[in-house]
Protein backbone atom coordinates (compact mmCIF):
# COMPACT_ATOMS: atom_id res chain seq x y z
CA MET A 1 40.70 -3.89 40.06
CA GLY A 2 42.97 -6.91 40.12
CA ASP A 3 40.81 -9.03 42.38
CA PHE A 4 39.58 -12.32 40.97
CA SER A 5 35.99 -11.57 41.93
CA ASN A 6 34.40 -8.54 43.52
CA LYS A 7 30.96 -8.39 45.10
CA THR A 8 29.36 -4.98 45.08
CA LYS A 9 25.63 -4.50 45.62
CA GLY A 10 24.70 -7.77 43.89
CA ILE A 11 27.09 -7.18 41.01
CA TYR A 12 29.76 -9.78 40.38
CA PHE A 13 32.79 -8.81 38.33
CA ILE A 14 34.74 -11.93 37.40
CA LYS A 15 38.01 -11.96 35.52
CA VAL A 16 38.48 -15.08 33.42
CA THR A 17 41.66 -16.22 31.70
CA THR A 18 41.09 -18.05 28.43
CA LYS A 19 43.25 -20.85 27.00
CA ASN A 20 45.21 -18.51 24.72
CA GLY A 21 46.15 -16.32 27.69
CA ALA A 22 43.71 -13.53 26.97
CA HIS A 23 41.76 -11.97 29.82
CA THR A 24 38.00 -11.70 29.60
CA GLU A 25 35.98 -9.77 32.14
CA LYS A 26 32.46 -10.96 32.84
CA LEU A 27 29.86 -8.81 34.51
CA ILE A 28 27.15 -10.78 36.30
CA ILE A 29 24.20 -9.04 37.93
CA GLN A 30 22.15 -11.14 40.31
């Protein structure tokens, strides 16, 4: 946790900061 993007077994966990300062975590499976 805390890393901007982590790659684990084809799973990308990206933490995005929105304009209002909220943090949104996106889970991308490729």
